PDB file of N, CA and C in Angstrom:
ATOM      1  N   MET A   1      38.845  -1.116 -30.934  1.00  0.00           N
ATOM      2  CA  MET A   1      38.685  -0.728 -29.545  1.00  0.00           C
ATOM      3  C   MET A   1      38.897  -1.972 -28.672  1.00  0.00           C
ATOM      4  N   ASP A   2      39.618  -1.806 -27.573  1.00  0.00           N
ATOM      5  CA  ASP A   2      39.894  -2.949 -26.696  1.00  0.00           C
ATOM      6  C   ASP A   2      38.676  -3.268 -25.819  1.00  0.00           C
ATOM      7  N   ALA A   3      38.661  -4.478 -25.264  1.00  0.00           N
ATOM      8  CA  ALA A   3      37.515  -4.971 -24.490  1.00  0.00           C
ATOM      9  C   ALA A   3      37.143  -4.063 -23.317  1.00  0.00           C
ATOM     10  N   PRO A   4      38.097  -3.673 -22.458  1.00  0.00           N
ATOM     11  CA  PRO A   4      37.697  -2.845 -21.310  1.00  0.00           C
ATOM     12  C   PRO A   4      36.994  -1.547 -21.722  1.00  0.00           C
ATOM     13  N   GLU A   5      37.510  -0.886 -22.744  1.00  0.00           N
ATOM     14  CA  GLU A   5      36.920   0.383 -23.171  1.00  0.00           C
ATOM     15  C   GLU A   5      35.570   0.170 -23.861  1.00  0.00           C
ATOM     16  N   ALA A   6      35.474  -0.838 -24.706  1.00  0.00           N
ATOM     17  CA  ALA A   6      34.212  -1.120 -25.399  1.00  0.00           C
ATOM     18  C   ALA A   6      33.108  -1.469 -24.403  1.00  0.00           C
ATOM     19  N   LEU A   7      33.436  -2.295 -23.427  1.00  0.00           N
ATOM     20  CA  LEU A   7      32.446  -2.677 -22.417  1.00  0.00           C
ATOM     21  C   LEU A   7      32.097  -1.503 -21.509  1.00  0.00           C
ATOM     22  N   ARG A   8      33.070  -0.637 -21.222  1.00  0.00           N
ATOM     23  CA  ARG A   8      32.806   0.553 -20.414  1.00  0.00           C
ATOM     24  C   ARG A   8      31.818   1.468 -21.141  1.00  0.00           C
ATOM     25  N   GLU A   9      32.021   1.654 -22.440  1.00  0.00           N
ATOM     26  CA  GLU A   9      31.115   2.502 -23.216  1.00  0.00           C
ATOM     27  C   GLU A   9      29.705   1.910 -23.257  1.00  0.00           C
ATOM     28  N   PHE A  10      29.620   0.598 -23.424  1.00  0.00           N
ATOM     29  CA  PHE A  10      28.321  -0.072 -23.429  1.00  0.00           C
ATOM     30  C   PHE A  10      27.624   0.114 -22.080  1.00  0.00           C
ATOM     31  N   LEU A  11      28.358  -0.103 -21.004  1.00  0.00           N
ATOM     32  CA  LEU A  11      27.817   0.045 -19.659  1.00  0.00           C
ATOM     33  C   LEU A  11      27.359   1.484 -19.411  1.00  0.00           C
ATOM     34  N   MET A  12      28.148   2.451 -19.839  1.00  0.00           N
ATOM     35  CA  MET A  12      27.794   3.856 -19.657  1.00  0.00           C
ATOM     36  C   MET A  12      26.524   4.201 -20.441  1.00  0.00           C
ATOM     37  N   TYR A  13      26.389   3.645 -21.631  1.00  0.00           N
ATOM     38  CA  TYR A  13      25.187   3.874 -22.434  1.00  0.00           C
ATOM     39  C   TYR A  13      23.942   3.365 -21.698  1.00  0.00           C
ATOM     40  N   VAL A  14      24.018   2.158 -21.179  1.00  0.00           N
ATOM     41  CA  VAL A  14      22.880   1.564 -20.464  1.00  0.00           C
ATOM     42  C   VAL A  14      22.532   2.407 -19.239  1.00  0.00           C
ATOM     43  N   ILE A  15      23.525   2.736 -18.441  1.00  0.00           N
ATOM     44  CA  ILE A  15      23.288   3.479 -17.203  1.00  0.00           C
ATOM     45  C   ILE A  15      22.790   4.890 -17.480  1.00  0.00           C
ATOM     46  N   ALA A  16      23.378   5.561 -18.460  1.00  0.00           N
ATOM     47  CA  ALA A  16      22.980   6.936 -18.770  1.00  0.00           C
ATOM     48  C   ALA A  16      21.509   7.027 -19.152  1.00  0.00           C
ATOM     49  N   ASN A  17      20.971   5.963 -19.702  1.00  0.00           N
ATOM     50  CA  ASN A  17      19.565   5.960 -20.090  1.00  0.00           C
ATOM     51  C   ASN A  17      18.624   5.604 -18.946  1.00  0.00           C
ATOM     52  N   LEU A  18      19.165   5.310 -17.783  1.00  0.00           N
ATOM     53  CA  LEU A  18      18.347   4.994 -16.608  1.00  0.00           C
ATOM     54  C   LEU A  18      18.324   6.115 -15.574  1.00  0.00           C
ATOM     55  N   ILE A  19      19.317   6.970 -15.588  1.00  0.00           N
ATOM     56  CA  ILE A  19      19.503   7.924 -14.493  1.00  0.00           C
ATOM     57  C   ILE A  19      19.086   9.347 -14.861  1.00  0.00           C
ATOM     58  N   GLU A  20      18.939  10.176 -13.843  1.00  0.00           N
ATOM     59  CA  GLU A  20      18.544  11.574 -14.010  1.00  0.00           C
ATOM     60  C   GLU A  20      19.735  12.512 -14.236  1.00  0.00           C
ATOM     61  N   HIS A  21      20.922  12.115 -13.765  1.00  0.00           N
ATOM     62  CA  HIS A  21      22.095  12.994 -13.832  1.00  0.00           C
ATOM     63  C   HIS A  21      23.265  12.296 -14.528  1.00  0.00           C
ATOM     64  N   PRO A  22      23.160  12.036 -15.831  1.00  0.00           N
ATOM     65  CA  PRO A  22      24.223  11.291 -16.517  1.00  0.00           C
ATOM     66  C   PRO A  22      25.580  11.999 -16.526  1.00  0.00           C
ATOM     67  N   LYS A  23      25.583  13.324 -16.429  1.00  0.00           N
ATOM     68  CA  LYS A  23      26.862  14.044 -16.429  1.00  0.00           C
ATOM     69  C   LYS A  23      27.646  13.823 -15.140  1.00  0.00           C
ATOM     70  N   GLN A  24      26.965  13.384 -14.085  1.00  0.00           N
ATOM     71  CA  GLN A  24      27.635  13.111 -12.818  1.00  0.00           C
ATOM     72  C   GLN A  24      28.077  11.660 -12.696  1.00  0.00           C
ATOM     73  N   ALA A  25      27.766  10.855 -13.694  1.00  0.00           N
ATOM     74  CA  ALA A  25      28.125   9.431 -13.658  1.00  0.00           C
ATOM     75  C   ALA A  25      29.501   9.214 -14.270  1.00  0.00           C
ATOM     76  N   SER A  26      30.237   8.280 -13.689  1.00  0.00           N
ATOM     77  CA  SER A  26      31.525   7.882 -14.263  1.00  0.00           C
ATOM     78  C   SER A  26      31.767   6.414 -13.935  1.00  0.00           C
ATOM     79  N   ILE A  27      32.637   5.809 -14.721  1.00  0.00           N
ATOM     80  CA  ILE A  27      32.956   4.398 -14.518  1.00  0.00           C
ATOM     81  C   ILE A  27      34.467   4.247 -14.507  1.00  0.00           C
ATOM     82  N   ALA A  28      34.991   3.733 -13.398  1.00  0.00           N
ATOM     83  CA  ALA A  28      36.422   3.452 -13.280  1.00  0.00           C
ATOM     84  C   ALA A  28      36.663   2.007 -13.700  1.00  0.00           C
ATOM     85  N   VAL A  29      37.721   1.797 -14.463  1.00  0.00           N
ATOM     86  CA  VAL A  29      38.049   0.460 -14.961  1.00  0.00           C
ATOM     87  C   VAL A  29      39.319  -0.026 -14.283  1.00  0.00           C
ATOM     88  N   GLY A  30      39.320  -1.273 -13.869  1.00  0.00           N
ATOM     89  CA  GLY A  30      40.483  -1.888 -13.242  1.00  0.00           C
ATOM     90  C   GLY A  30      40.498  -3.373 -13.530  1.00  0.00           C
ATOM     91  N   THR A  31      41.269  -4.097 -12.737  1.00  0.00           N
ATOM     92  CA  THR A  31      41.360  -5.550 -12.881  1.00  0.00           C
ATOM     93  C   THR A  31      41.274  -6.181 -11.498  1.00  0.00           C
ATOM     94  N   THR A  32      40.526  -7.274 -11.390  1.00  0.00           N
ATOM     95  CA  THR A  32      40.415  -7.982 -10.117  1.00  0.00           C
ATOM     96  C   THR A  32      41.616  -8.905  -9.944  1.00  0.00           C
ATOM     97  N   GLN A  33      41.770  -9.456  -8.740  1.00  0.00           N
ATOM     98  CA  GLN A  33      42.853 -10.410  -8.489  1.00  0.00           C
ATOM     99  C   GLN A  33      42.707 -11.652  -9.348  1.00  0.00           C
ATOM    100  N   ALA A  34      41.469 -11.983  -9.708  1.00  0.00           N
ATOM    101  CA  ALA A  34      41.214 -13.168 -10.540  1.00  0.00           C
ATOM    102  C   ALA A  34      41.434 -12.884 -12.026  1.00  0.00           C
ATOM    103  N   GLY A  35      41.748 -11.627 -12.358  1.00  0.00           N
ATOM    104  CA  GLY A  35      42.016 -11.276 -13.748  1.00  0.00           C
ATOM    105  C   GLY A  35      40.824 -10.762 -14.529  1.00  0.00           C
ATOM    106  N   ALA A  36      39.684 -10.601 -13.875  1.00  0.00           N
ATOM    107  CA  ALA A  36      38.496 -10.067 -14.548  1.00  0.00           C
ATOM    108  C   ALA A  36      38.615  -8.552 -14.672  1.00  0.00           C
ATOM    109  N   ILE A  37      37.926  -7.999 -15.658  1.00  0.00           N
ATOM    110  CA  ILE A  37      37.866  -6.549 -15.801  1.00  0.00           C
ATOM    111  C   ILE A  37      36.884  -6.039 -14.748  1.00  0.00           C
ATOM    112  N   SER A  38      37.299  -5.051 -13.976  1.00  0.00           N
ATOM    113  CA  SER A  38      36.487  -4.515 -12.891  1.00  0.00           C
ATOM    114  C   SER A  38      35.951  -3.139 -13.276  1.00  0.00           C
ATOM    115  N   TYR A  39      34.642  -2.963 -13.139  1.00  0.00           N
ATOM    116  CA  TYR A  39      34.002  -1.674 -13.396  1.00  0.00           C
ATOM    117  C   TYR A  39      33.384  -1.182 -12.103  1.00  0.00           C
ATOM    118  N   ARG A  40      33.764   0.022 -11.691  1.00  0.00           N
ATOM    119  CA  ARG A  40      33.215   0.640 -10.478  1.00  0.00           C
ATOM    120  C   ARG A  40      32.430   1.867 -10.936  1.00  0.00           C
ATOM    121  N   ILE A  41      31.133   1.840 -10.678  1.00  0.00           N
ATOM    122  CA  ILE A  41      30.232   2.885 -11.154  1.00  0.00           C
ATOM    123  C   ILE A  41      30.054   3.941 -10.066  1.00  0.00           C
ATOM    124  N   HIS A  42      30.303   5.197 -10.419  1.00  0.00           N
ATOM    125  CA  HIS A  42      30.122   6.333  -9.510  1.00  0.00           C
ATOM    126  C   HIS A  42      28.899   7.109  -9.998  1.00  0.00           C
ATOM    127  N   LEU A  43      27.924   7.318  -9.119  1.00  0.00           N
ATOM    128  CA  LEU A  43      26.679   7.985  -9.487  1.00  0.00           C
ATOM    129  C   LEU A  43      26.323   9.079  -8.498  1.00  0.00           C
ATOM    130  N   ALA A  44      25.458   9.996  -8.942  1.00  0.00           N
ATOM    131  CA  ALA A  44      24.867  10.955  -8.012  1.00  0.00           C
ATOM    132  C   ALA A  44      24.046  10.149  -7.008  1.00  0.00           C
ATOM    133  N   PRO A  45      24.032  10.554  -5.743  1.00  0.00           N
ATOM    134  CA  PRO A  45      23.322   9.774  -4.716  1.00  0.00           C
ATOM    135  C   PRO A  45      21.871   9.438  -5.077  1.00  0.00           C
ATOM    136  N   GLU A  46      21.180  10.377  -5.701  1.00  0.00           N
ATOM    137  CA  GLU A  46      19.773  10.124  -6.035  1.00  0.00           C
ATOM    138  C   GLU A  46      19.596   9.157  -7.209  1.00  0.00           C
ATOM    139  N   ASP A  47      20.670   8.857  -7.936  1.00  0.00           N
ATOM    140  CA  ASP A  47      20.594   7.916  -9.058  1.00  0.00           C
ATOM    141  C   ASP A  47      20.921   6.475  -8.660  1.00  0.00           C
ATOM    142  N   VAL A  48      21.515   6.295  -7.504  1.00  0.00           N
ATOM    143  CA  VAL A  48      21.931   4.948  -7.088  1.00  0.00           C
ATOM    144  C   VAL A  48      20.736   4.003  -7.034  1.00  0.00           C
ATOM    145  N   ARG A  49      19.637   4.445  -6.443  1.00  0.00           N
ATOM    146  CA  ARG A  49      18.452   3.574  -6.333  1.00  0.00           C
ATOM    147  C   ARG A  49      17.897   3.191  -7.695  1.00  0.00           C
ATOM    148  N   ARG A  50      17.986   4.090  -8.665  1.00  0.00           N
ATOM    149  CA  ARG A  50      17.480   3.786 -10.008  1.00  0.00           C
ATOM    150  C   ARG A  50      18.314   2.692 -10.663  1.00  0.00           C
ATOM    151  N   VAL A  51      19.613   2.701 -10.437  1.00  0.00           N
ATOM    152  CA  VAL A  51      20.493   1.704 -11.052  1.00  0.00           C
ATOM    153  C   VAL A  51      20.411   0.372 -10.314  1.00  0.00           C
ATOM    154  N   VAL A  52      20.340   0.412  -9.001  1.00  0.00           N
ATOM    155  CA  VAL A  52      20.247  -0.830  -8.232  1.00  0.00           C
ATOM    156  C   VAL A  52      18.870  -1.463  -8.427  1.00  0.00           C
ATOM    157  N   GLY A  53      17.826  -0.666  -8.361  1.00  0.00           N
ATOM    158  CA  GLY A  53      16.472  -1.179  -8.540  1.00  0.00           C
ATOM    159  C   GLY A  53      15.957  -1.889  -7.305  1.00  0.00           C
ATOM    160  N   LYS A  54      14.695  -2.237  -7.351  1.00  0.00           N
ATOM    161  CA  LYS A  54      14.049  -2.907  -6.226  1.00  0.00           C
ATOM    162  C   LYS A  54      14.670  -4.281  -6.026  1.00  0.00           C
ATOM    163  N   ASN A  55      15.160  -4.526  -4.817  1.00  0.00           N
ATOM    164  CA  ASN A  55      15.813  -5.790  -4.451  1.00  0.00           C
ATOM    165  C   ASN A  55      17.010  -6.125  -5.333  1.00  0.00           C
ATOM    166  N   GLY A  56      17.580  -5.120  -5.997  1.00  0.00           N
ATOM    167  CA  GLY A  56      18.770  -5.359  -6.808  1.00  0.00           C
ATOM    168  C   GLY A  56      18.511  -5.951  -8.176  1.00  0.00           C
ATOM    169  N   PHE A  57      17.256  -5.994  -8.599  1.00  0.00           N
ATOM    170  CA  PHE A  57      16.950  -6.630  -9.875  1.00  0.00           C
ATOM    171  C   PHE A  57      17.501  -5.849 -11.074  1.00  0.00           C
ATOM    172  N   THR A  58      17.504  -4.513 -11.008  1.00  0.00           N
ATOM    173  CA  THR A  58      18.006  -3.728 -12.138  1.00  0.00           C
ATOM    174  C   THR A  58      19.502  -3.919 -12.306  1.00  0.00           C
ATOM    175  N   ILE A  59      20.276  -3.824 -11.234  1.00  0.00           N
ATOM    176  CA  ILE A  59      21.721  -4.015 -11.358  1.00  0.00           C
ATOM    177  C   ILE A  59      22.037  -5.448 -11.764  1.00  0.00           C
ATOM    178  N   SER A  60      21.231  -6.382 -11.339  1.00  0.00           N
ATOM    179  CA  SER A  60      21.423  -7.771 -11.745  1.00  0.00           C
ATOM    180  C   SER A  60      21.221  -7.919 -13.254  1.00  0.00           C
ATOM    181  N   ALA A  61      20.211  -7.251 -13.783  1.00  0.00           N
ATOM    182  CA  ALA A  61      19.968  -7.291 -15.228  1.00  0.00           C
ATOM    183  C   ALA A  61      21.103  -6.609 -15.988  1.00  0.00           C
ATOM    184  N   ILE A  62      21.606  -5.496 -15.450  1.00  0.00           N
ATOM    185  CA  ILE A  62      22.732  -4.805 -16.085  1.00  0.00           C
ATOM    186  C   ILE A  62      23.956  -5.714 -16.091  1.00  0.00           C
ATOM    187  N   ARG A  63      24.207  -6.381 -14.975  1.00  0.00           N
ATOM    188  CA  ARG A  63      25.334  -7.325 -14.910  1.00  0.00           C
ATOM    189  C   ARG A  63      25.188  -8.412 -15.967  1.00  0.00           C
ATOM    190  N   SER A  64      23.987  -8.924 -16.124  1.00  0.00           N
ATOM    191  CA  SER A  64      23.756  -9.970 -17.123  1.00  0.00           C
ATOM    192  C   SER A  64      24.067  -9.460 -18.523  1.00  0.00           C
ATOM    193  N   LEU A  65      23.611  -8.254 -18.837  1.00  0.00           N
ATOM    194  CA  LEU A  65      23.895  -7.668 -20.150  1.00  0.00           C
ATOM    195  C   LEU A  65      25.394  -7.509 -20.386  1.00  0.00           C
ATOM    196  N   VAL A  66      26.087  -6.981 -19.387  1.00  0.00           N
ATOM    197  CA  VAL A  66      27.531  -6.764 -19.530  1.00  0.00           C
ATOM    198  C   VAL A  66      28.263  -8.100 -19.646  1.00  0.00           C
ATOM    199  N   ASN A  67      27.837  -9.101 -18.893  1.00  0.00           N
ATOM    200  CA  ASN A  67      28.470 -10.421 -18.993  1.00  0.00           C
ATOM    201  C   ASN A  67      28.276 -11.036 -20.371  1.00  0.00           C
ATOM    202  N   VAL A  68      27.089 -10.882 -20.942  1.00  0.00           N
ATOM    203  CA  VAL A  68      26.848 -11.396 -22.292  1.00  0.00           C
ATOM    204  C   VAL A  68      27.737 -10.656 -23.291  1.00  0.00           C
ATOM    205  N   ALA A  69      27.817  -9.338 -23.165  1.00  0.00           N
ATOM    206  CA  ALA A  69      28.674  -8.557 -24.059  1.00  0.00           C
ATOM    207  C   ALA A  69      30.143  -8.945 -23.890  1.00  0.00           C
ATOM    208  N   ALA A  70      30.551  -9.270 -22.666  1.00  0.00           N
ATOM    209  CA  ALA A  70      31.946  -9.635 -22.394  1.00  0.00           C
ATOM    210  C   ALA A  70      32.338 -10.943 -23.065  1.00  0.00           C
ATOM    211  N   THR A  71      31.379 -11.828 -23.285  1.00  0.00           N
ATOM    212  CA  THR A  71      31.703 -13.104 -23.942  1.00  0.00           C
ATOM    213  C   THR A  71      32.211 -12.874 -25.361  1.00  0.00           C
ATOM    214  N   LYS A  72      31.785 -11.802 -25.984  1.00  0.00           N
ATOM    215  CA  LYS A  72      32.269 -11.448 -27.326  1.00  0.00           C
ATOM    216  C   LYS A  72      33.790 -11.260 -27.322  1.00  0.00           C
ATOM    217  N   TYR A  73      34.307 -10.774 -26.210  1.00  0.00           N
ATOM    218  CA  TYR A  73      35.741 -10.514 -26.076  1.00  0.00           C
ATOM    219  C   TYR A  73      36.466 -11.622 -25.321  1.00  0.00           C
ATOM    220  N   GLY A  74      35.723 -12.595 -24.841  1.00  0.00           N
ATOM    221  CA  GLY A  74      36.339 -13.697 -24.104  1.00  0.00           C
ATOM    222  C   GLY A  74      36.898 -13.290 -22.758  1.00  0.00           C
ATOM    223  N   VAL A  75      36.241 -12.330 -22.102  1.00  0.00           N
ATOM    224  CA  VAL A  75      36.717 -11.849 -20.800  1.00  0.00           C
ATOM    225  C   VAL A  75      35.624 -12.000 -19.745  1.00  0.00           C
ATOM    226  N   LYS A  76      36.027 -11.958 -18.496  1.00  0.00           N
ATOM    227  CA  LYS A  76      35.111 -11.950 -17.353  1.00  0.00           C
ATOM    228  C   LYS A  76      35.071 -10.531 -16.806  1.00  0.00           C
ATOM    229  N   VAL A  77      33.929 -10.152 -16.237  1.00  0.00           N
ATOM    230  CA  VAL A  77      33.799  -8.807 -15.696  1.00  0.00           C
ATOM    231  C   VAL A  77      33.251  -8.830 -14.274  1.00  0.00           C
ATOM    232  N   SER A  78      33.583  -7.783 -13.539  1.00  0.00           N
ATOM    233  CA  SER A  78      33.071  -7.547 -12.197  1.00  0.00           C
ATOM    234  C   SER A  78      32.487  -6.141 -12.203  1.00  0.00           C
ATOM    235  N   LEU A  79      31.309  -5.984 -11.624  1.00  0.00           N
ATOM    236  CA  LEU A  79      30.607  -4.708 -11.668  1.00  0.00           C
ATOM    237  C   LEU A  79      30.152  -4.320 -10.270  1.00  0.00           C
ATOM    238  N   ARG A  80      30.512  -3.096  -9.841  1.00  0.00           N
ATOM    239  CA  ARG A  80      30.131  -2.613  -8.510  1.00  0.00           C
ATOM    240  C   ARG A  80      29.638  -1.175  -8.622  1.00  0.00           C
ATOM    241  N   VAL A  81      28.681  -0.841  -7.763  1.00  0.00           N
ATOM    242  CA  VAL A  81      28.172   0.521  -7.676  1.00  0.00           C
ATOM    243  C   VAL A  81      28.673   1.102  -6.366  1.00  0.00           C
ATOM    244  N   ASP A  82      29.369   2.235  -6.433  1.00  0.00           N
ATOM    245  CA  ASP A  82      29.868   2.878  -5.212  1.00  0.00           C
ATOM    246  C   ASP A  82      28.717   3.198  -4.267  1.00  0.00           C
ATOM    247  N   GLY A  83      28.955   2.958  -2.989  1.00  0.00           N
ATOM    248  CA  GLY A  83      27.976   3.273  -1.967  1.00  0.00           C
ATOM    249  C   GLY A  83      26.915   2.207  -1.761  1.00  0.00           C
ATOM    250  N   VAL A  84      27.059   1.063  -2.432  1.00  0.00           N
ATOM    251  CA  VAL A  84      26.073  -0.010  -2.302  1.00  0.00           C
ATOM    252  C   VAL A  84      26.749  -1.234  -1.725  1.00  0.00           C
ATOM    253  N   ARG A  85      26.161  -1.750  -0.648  1.00  0.00           N
ATOM    254  CA  ARG A  85      26.659  -3.004  -0.075  1.00  0.00           C
ATOM    255  C   ARG A  85      25.940  -4.136  -0.779  1.00  0.00           C
ATOM    256  N   GLU A  86      26.684  -4.968  -1.472  1.00  0.00           N
ATOM    257  CA  GLU A  86      26.125  -6.046  -2.290  1.00  0.00           C
ATOM    258  C   GLU A  86      25.159  -6.941  -1.528  1.00  0.00           C
ATOM    259  N   GLU A  87      25.512  -7.311  -0.297  1.00  0.00           N
ATOM    260  CA  GLU A  87      24.682  -8.258   0.439  1.00  0.00           C
ATOM    261  C   GLU A  87      23.305  -7.698   0.769  1.00  0.00           C
ATOM    262  N   GLU A  88      23.154  -6.371   0.767  1.00  0.00           N
ATOM    263  CA  GLU A  88      21.859  -5.776   1.086  1.00  0.00           C
ATOM    264  C   GLU A  88      20.789  -6.180   0.083  1.00  0.00           C
ATOM    265  N   PHE A  89      21.147  -6.189  -1.196  1.00  0.00           N
ATOM    266  CA  PHE A  89      20.117  -6.503  -2.175  1.00  0.00           C
ATOM    267  C   PHE A  89      20.218  -7.912  -2.720  1.00  0.00           C
ATOM    268  N   GLN A  90      21.375  -8.553  -2.654  1.00  0.00           N
ATOM    269  CA  GLN A  90      21.481  -9.910  -3.177  1.00  0.00           C
ATOM    270  C   GLN A  90      20.632 -10.876  -2.361  1.00  0.00           C
ATOM    271  N   THR A  91      20.665 -10.758  -1.047  1.00  0.00           N
ATOM    272  CA  THR A  91      19.884 -11.647  -0.193  1.00  0.00           C
ATOM    273  C   THR A  91      18.398 -11.410  -0.402  1.00  0.00           C
ATOM    274  N   GLN A  92      17.988 -10.157  -0.425  1.00  0.00           N
ATOM    275  CA  GLN A  92      16.584  -9.841  -0.636  1.00  0.00           C
ATOM    276  C   GLN A  92      16.142 -10.271  -2.026  1.00  0.00           C
ATOM    277  N   GLY A  93      16.976 -10.012  -3.020  1.00  0.00           N
ATOM    278  CA  GLY A  93      16.637 -10.359  -4.395  1.00  0.00           C
ATOM    279  C   GLY A  93      16.468 -11.851  -4.572  1.00  0.00           C
ATOM    280  N   ALA A  94      17.332 -12.648  -3.978  1.00  0.00           N
ATOM    281  CA  ALA A  94      17.241 -14.100  -4.099  1.00  0.00           C
ATOM    282  C   ALA A  94      15.959 -14.599  -3.452  1.00  0.00           C
ATOM    283  N   GLY A  95      15.623 -14.072  -2.293  1.00  0.00           N
ATOM    284  CA  GLY A  95      14.400 -14.482  -1.619  1.00  0.00           C
ATOM    285  C   GLY A  95      13.164 -14.082  -2.405  1.00  0.00           C
ATOM    286  N   ALA A  96      13.191 -12.888  -2.971  1.00  0.00           N
ATOM    287  CA  ALA A  96      12.047 -12.432  -3.756  1.00  0.00           C
ATOM    288  C   ALA A  96      11.877 -13.288  -4.999  1.00  0.00           C
ATOM    289  N   ALA A  97      12.981 -13.649  -5.629  1.00  0.00           N
ATOM    290  CA  ALA A  97      12.911 -14.483  -6.827  1.00  0.00           C
ATOM    291  C   ALA A  97      12.380 -15.864  -6.476  1.00  0.00           C
ATOM    292  N   GLN A  98      12.820 -16.437  -5.364  1.00  0.00           N
ATOM    293  CA  GLN A  98      12.342 -17.754  -4.953  1.00  0.00           C
ATOM    294  C   GLN A  98      10.852 -17.712  -4.635  1.00  0.00           C
ATOM    295  N   ALA A  99      10.397 -16.647  -4.019  1.00  0.00           N
ATOM    296  CA  ALA A  99       8.984 -16.540  -3.672  1.00  0.00           C
ATOM    297  C   ALA A  99       8.118 -16.487  -4.924  1.00  0.00           C
ATOM    298  N   ARG A 100       8.613 -15.889  -5.987  1.00  0.00           N
ATOM    299  CA  ARG A 100       7.837 -15.754  -7.209  1.00  0.00           C
ATOM    300  C   ARG A 100       7.753 -17.043  -8.008  1.00  0.00           C
ATOM    301  N   VAL A 101       8.688 -17.960  -7.821  1.00  0.00           N
ATOM    302  CA  VAL A 101       8.705 -19.194  -8.604  1.00  0.00           C
ATOM    303  C   VAL A 101       7.405 -19.965  -8.449  1.00  0.00           C
ATOM    304  N   GLY A 102       6.931 -20.138  -7.230  1.00  0.00           N
ATOM    305  CA  GLY A 102       5.728 -20.923  -7.012  1.00  0.00           C
ATOM    306  C   GLY A 102       4.496 -20.087  -6.722  1.00  0.00           C
ATOM    307  N   ASP A 103       4.587 -18.790  -6.900  1.00  0.00           N
ATOM    308  CA  ASP A 103       3.511 -17.894  -6.518  1.00  0.00           C
ATOM    309  C   ASP A 103       2.901 -17.259  -7.762  1.00  0.00           C
ATOM    310  N   ASN A 104       1.664 -17.583  -8.078  1.00  0.00           N
ATOM    311  CA  ASN A 104       0.989 -17.012  -9.239  1.00  0.00           C
ATOM    312  C   ASN A 104       0.100 -15.839  -8.867  1.00  0.00           C
ATOM    313  N   THR A 105       0.198 -15.360  -7.663  1.00  0.00           N
ATOM    314  CA  THR A 105      -0.649 -14.275  -7.196  1.00  0.00           C
ATOM    315  C   THR A 105      -0.510 -13.044  -8.075  1.00  0.00           C
ATOM    316  N   ASP A 106       0.731 -12.659  -8.418  1.00  0.00           N
ATOM    317  CA  ASP A 106       0.947 -11.481  -9.250  1.00  0.00           C
ATOM    318  C   ASP A 106       0.317 -11.653 -10.623  1.00  0.00           C
ATOM    319  N   ALA A 107       0.486 -12.818 -11.226  1.00  0.00           N
ATOM    320  CA  ALA A 107      -0.053 -13.069 -12.561  1.00  0.00           C
ATOM    321  C   ALA A 107      -1.579 -13.022 -12.537  1.00  0.00           C
ATOM    322  N   GLU A 108      -2.183 -13.552 -11.474  1.00  0.00           N
ATOM    323  CA  GLU A 108      -3.637 -13.567 -11.369  1.00  0.00           C
ATOM    324  C   GLU A 108      -4.203 -12.170 -11.180  1.00  0.00           C
ATOM    325  N   GLN A 109      -3.387 -11.262 -10.618  1.00  0.00           N
ATOM    326  CA  GLN A 109      -3.850  -9.905 -10.369  1.00  0.00           C
ATOM    327  C   GLN A 109      -3.478  -8.957 -11.490  1.00  0.00           C
ATOM    328  N   GLY A 110      -2.966  -9.478 -12.591  1.00  0.00           N
ATOM    329  CA  GLY A 110      -2.682  -8.621 -13.731  1.00  0.00           C
ATOM    330  C   GLY A 110      -1.243  -8.207 -13.874  1.00  0.00           C
ATOM    331  N   GLY A 111      -0.309  -8.862 -13.225  1.00  0.00           N
ATOM    332  CA  GLY A 111       1.105  -8.555 -13.431  1.00  0.00           C
ATOM    333  C   GLY A 111       1.792  -8.119 -12.172  1.00  0.00           C
ATOM    334  N   GLU A 112       3.090  -7.938 -12.301  1.00  0.00           N
ATOM    335  CA  GLU A 112       3.909  -7.536 -11.165  1.00  0.00           C
ATOM    336  C   GLU A 112       3.822  -6.035 -10.972  1.00  0.00           C
ATOM    337  N   GLY A 113       4.146  -5.599  -9.765  1.00  0.00           N
ATOM    338  CA  GLY A 113       4.142  -4.178  -9.444  1.00  0.00           C
ATOM    339  C   GLY A 113       5.321  -3.468 -10.062  1.00  0.00           C
ATOM    340  N   GLU A 114       5.226  -2.166 -10.135  1.00  0.00           N
ATOM    341  CA  GLU A 114       6.298  -1.336 -10.671  1.00  0.00           C
ATOM    342  C   GLU A 114       7.386  -1.172  -9.637  1.00  0.00           C
ATOM    343  N   GLU A 115       8.581  -0.895 -10.099  1.00  0.00           N
ATOM    344  CA  GLU A 115       9.702  -0.628  -9.192  1.00  0.00           C
ATOM    345  C   GLU A 115       9.593   0.759  -8.633  1.00  0.00           C
TER     346      GLU A 115
END
């Protein structure tokens, strides 16, 4: 199996286990101008929040998993969710992560909150 298809199947497996409507999910495969494999995820509107997660942490984790899997094939990947503006959660996510670095409040109270 070639890299784009193998990574698409892996990505679909991860996403299908997070969402409520897996039959409505699809992933389009393409190539970026930089030569990376591009995956565009199409989801039911009510599933988008589950995949993006609070402050974008879930999609960030999915990207990390796919990037690690892509190293097996020696390729770079780009991952986008239709209907999501990247800057909306990347800025918030970075700020939230920075705030947690020096803040032990969550740990002292028994852990972080649920998404």
